[in-house]
Amino acid sequence: MMKELRLDYPIPLLSRVLKVSASGYYAWVDRPPSRRAQEELRLELEIRAADKRTRQTYGPVRLQHDLAEHGIQIGICRIRRIRKKLGLR
């Protein structure tokens, strides 16, 4: 939320209103992405590639099998969530 609002309001004001420290906000901004976030980005790329490879005809279950054939183990619920995030149907 602060990341979007920082363009309109100064960080000290936002940190006071939202009751977070300014130093904590800056530490969060400078922090590298977590291992899970990096894996999520990689899976997004893999799912997009698999979706194109299968001509956008596979559902989550068949997509899971296709990804497994390419060495990527991922659950169906995670595939559904990522596809929804990417707007893939």
Protein backbone atom coordinates (compact mmCIF):
# COMPACT_ATOMS: atom_id res chain seq x y z
CA MET A 1 0.00 0.00 0.00
CA MET A 2 2.79 2.39 0.90
CA LYS A 3 4.53 1.62 -2.36
CA GLU A 4 1.60 3.02 -4.35
CA LEU A 5 0.86 5.92 -2.03
CA ARG A 6 4.49 7.09 -1.78
CA LEU A 7 4.07 8.89 -5.10
CA ASP A 8 1.35 11.13 -3.63
CA TYR A 9 2.46 11.46 0.01
CA PRO A 10 5.80 11.67 1.84
CA ILE A 11 7.07 8.48 3.49
CA PRO A 12 7.23 9.98 7.04
CA LEU A 13 3.53 10.90 6.84
CA LEU A 14 2.58 7.47 5.51
CA SER A 15 4.61 5.68 8.14
CA ARG A 16 2.95 7.72 10.89
CA VAL A 17 -0.58 7.14 9.55
CA LEU A 18 -0.05 3.42 8.85
CA LYS A 19 1.92 2.94 12.09
CA VAL A 20 5.04 1.44 10.53
CA SER A 21 8.57 2.70 10.80
CA ALA A 22 10.11 4.47 7.84
CA SER A 23 13.30 2.46 8.31
CA GLY A 24 11.26 -0.77 8.20
CA TYR A 25 9.66 0.34 4.95
CA TYR A 26 13.03 1.16 3.37
CA ALA A 27 14.46 -2.17 4.58
CA TRP A 28 11.51 -3.96 2.96
CA VAL A 29 12.02 -2.08 -0.33
CA ASP A 30 15.75 -2.94 -0.44
CA ARG A 31 15.25 -6.58 0.52
CA PRO A 32 15.79 -9.08 -2.32
CA PRO A 33 12.84 -11.31 -3.31
CA SER A 34 12.37 -14.38 -1.13
CA ARG A 35 13.13 -17.87 -2.38
CA ARG A 36 9.39 -18.56 -2.65
CA ALA A 37 8.84 -15.37 -4.70
CA GLN A 38 11.69 -16.34 -7.04
CA GLU A 39 10.22 -19.81 -7.44
CA GLU A 40 6.80 -18.30 -8.10
CA LEU A 41 8.23 -16.19 -10.96
CA ARG A 42 9.94 -19.24 -12.43
CA LEU A 43 6.70 -21.23 -12.23
CA GLU A 44 4.79 -18.39 -13.91
CA LEU A 45 7.20 -18.59 -16.84
CA GLU A 46 6.96 -22.38 -16.97
CA ILE A 47 3.15 -22.32 -16.89
CA ARG A 48 3.01 -19.70 -19.64
CA ALA A 49 5.38 -21.80 -21.76
CA ALA A 50 3.38 -24.98 -21.11
CA ASP A 51 0.15 -23.15 -21.94
CA LYS A 52 1.57 -22.08 -25.31
CA ARG A 53 3.11 -25.50 -25.91
CA THR A 54 -0.28 -27.18 -25.38
CA ARG A 55 -2.08 -24.59 -27.54
CA GLN A 56 -4.03 -23.32 -24.51
CA THR A 57 -6.21 -26.43 -24.43
CA TYR A 58 -5.02 -28.10 -21.21
CA GLY A 59 -6.69 -27.65 -17.85
CA PRO A 60 -4.81 -27.73 -14.54
CA VAL A 61 -4.69 -31.53 -14.26
CA ARG A 62 -3.34 -32.15 -17.76
CA LEU A 63 -1.02 -29.17 -17.35
CA GLN A 64 0.35 -30.73 -14.15
CA HIS A 65 1.18 -33.92 -16.08
CA ASP A 66 2.80 -31.93 -18.89
CA LEU A 67 4.92 -29.97 -16.43
CA ALA A 68 5.90 -33.20 -14.64
CA GLU A 69 7.13 -34.60 -17.96
CA HIS A 70 9.39 -31.56 -18.18
CA GLY A 71 10.72 -32.09 -14.64
CA ILE A 72 8.56 -29.58 -12.76
CA GLN A 73 6.64 -30.87 -9.75
CA ILE A 74 3.77 -28.56 -8.80
CA GLY A 75 0.35 -29.02 -7.23
CA ILE A 76 -2.93 -28.48 -9.02
CA CYS A 77 -4.11 -25.77 -6.62
CA ARG A 78 -0.92 -23.82 -7.18
CA ILE A 79 -1.35 -24.16 -10.95
CA ARG A 80 -4.92 -22.87 -10.65
CA ARG A 81 -3.83 -19.91 -8.53
CA ILE A 82 -1.01 -18.94 -10.88
CA ARG A 83 -3.19 -19.33 -13.98
CA LYS A 84 -5.84 -17.12 -12.39
CA LYS A 85 -3.18 -14.52 -11.54
CA LEU A 86 -1.91 -14.61 -15.14
CA GLY A 87 -5.39 -14.53 -16.61
CA LEU A 88 -4.97 -17.86 -18.41
CA ARG A 89 -8.06 -19.96 -19.12
